[in-house]
Amino acid sequence: MKSEQAIQSEIIIYLRKIFCYPRKVVSKAGTPDILACCDGKFIGIEVKKLDGKVSKLQDHNIKLIQQAGGIAFVARSVKDVKDYFEKNKL
């Protein structure tokens, strides 16, 4: 099973390929692991392993980003990100 760090790296490589501008976040608790700007849209991606759990604080921050008009979701693989982008036409 891949580590969260390995999954994050794969997602960041993918985002750069599609001309998004990602930043890995390591400071504030509950902030999504990856913050990015894609085509003028703010995106927060919380990365988890297949068996990883989203904390209440992480879930709360995802909802706050969504309520503010940003895009935020949980990804367990780079495929999850690709699928989300395709489904939501990003």
Protein backbone atom coordinates (compact mmCIF):
# COMPACT_ATOMS: atom_id res chain seq x y z
CA MET A 1 0.00 0.00 0.00
CA LYS A 2 1.34 3.45 -0.93
CA SER A 3 2.06 6.00 1.76
CA GLU A 4 0.15 9.28 1.86
CA GLN A 5 3.40 11.06 0.97
CA ALA A 6 3.81 8.93 -2.19
CA ILE A 7 0.20 9.59 -3.19
CA GLN A 8 0.68 13.34 -2.59
CA SER A 9 3.76 13.36 -4.82
CA GLU A 10 1.89 11.61 -7.64
CA ILE A 11 -1.00 14.08 -7.36
CA ILE A 12 1.35 17.09 -7.41
CA ILE A 13 3.09 15.75 -10.54
CA TYR A 14 -0.30 15.29 -12.21
CA LEU A 15 -1.48 18.79 -11.25
CA ARG A 16 1.68 20.34 -12.69
CA LYS A 17 1.15 18.45 -15.96
CA ILE A 18 -2.29 20.00 -16.36
CA PHE A 19 -0.99 23.50 -15.54
CA CYS A 20 -2.31 23.74 -12.01
CA TYR A 21 -0.11 25.33 -9.39
CA PRO A 22 -0.02 23.07 -6.33
CA ARG A 23 1.59 23.63 -2.95
CA LYS A 24 2.04 20.96 -0.33
CA VAL A 25 0.86 22.19 3.05
CA VAL A 26 2.62 21.06 6.20
CA SER A 27 1.79 23.70 8.76
CA LYS A 28 -1.74 24.12 10.09
CA ALA A 29 -3.70 21.17 11.47
CA GLY A 30 -6.78 20.32 9.44
CA THR A 31 -5.68 22.18 6.31
CA PRO A 32 -5.86 20.00 3.17
CA ASP A 33 -2.53 18.41 2.25
CA ILE A 34 -2.44 20.03 -1.19
CA LEU A 35 -3.67 23.51 -2.05
CA ALA A 36 -3.73 24.46 -5.71
CA CYS A 37 -4.95 27.05 -8.17
CA CYS A 38 -6.36 25.55 -11.35
CA ASP A 39 -7.81 27.84 -13.98
CA GLY A 40 -8.50 30.47 -11.32
CA LYS A 41 -10.21 28.03 -8.96
CA PHE A 42 -9.04 27.38 -5.40
CA ILE A 43 -8.66 23.65 -4.74
CA GLY A 44 -7.91 21.80 -1.51
CA ILE A 45 -7.11 18.10 -1.65
CA GLU A 46 -6.92 16.02 1.51
CA VAL A 47 -4.81 12.95 0.73
CA LYS A 48 -5.44 9.69 2.53
CA LYS A 49 -4.25 6.10 2.15
CA LEU A 50 -6.91 3.57 1.17
CA ASP A 51 -7.60 2.84 4.83
CA GLY A 52 -6.96 6.39 6.10
CA LYS A 53 -9.63 8.28 8.02
CA VAL A 54 -10.53 11.95 7.63
CA SER A 55 -10.55 13.74 10.98
CA LYS A 56 -13.45 15.92 12.10
CA LEU A 57 -11.25 19.01 11.68
CA GLN A 58 -10.23 18.00 8.16
CA ASP A 59 -13.86 17.34 7.21
CA HIS A 60 -14.87 20.68 8.72
CA ASN A 61 -12.20 22.55 6.72
CA ILE A 62 -13.21 20.79 3.49
CA LYS A 63 -16.79 21.97 4.07
CA LEU A 64 -15.62 25.54 4.82
CA ILE A 65 -13.67 25.68 1.55
CA GLN A 66 -16.71 24.40 -0.35
CA GLN A 67 -19.03 26.92 1.36
CA ALA A 68 -16.64 29.72 0.38
CA GLY A 69 -16.89 28.71 -3.28
CA GLY A 70 -13.69 26.68 -3.46
CA ILE A 71 -13.27 23.05 -4.39
CA ALA A 72 -12.21 20.57 -1.72
CA PHE A 73 -12.29 16.81 -1.57
CA VAL A 74 -10.51 13.69 -0.32
CA ALA A 75 -8.29 11.71 -2.70
CA ARG A 76 -6.81 8.30 -2.11
CA SER A 77 -4.98 8.15 -5.45
CA VAL A 78 -4.08 10.29 -8.44
CA LYS A 79 -6.95 8.48 -10.23
CA ASP A 80 -9.37 9.96 -7.70
CA VAL A 81 -8.16 13.45 -8.65
CA LYS A 82 -8.39 12.75 -12.40
CA ASP A 83 -11.89 11.29 -11.96
CA TYR A 84 -13.02 14.26 -9.85
CA PHE A 85 -11.68 16.73 -12.41
CA GLU A 86 -13.36 14.89 -15.30
CA LYS A 87 -16.68 14.56 -13.49
CA ASN A 88 -16.71 18.24 -12.52
CA LYS A 89 -15.23 19.50 -15.82
CA LEU A 90 -12.15 21.12 -14.27
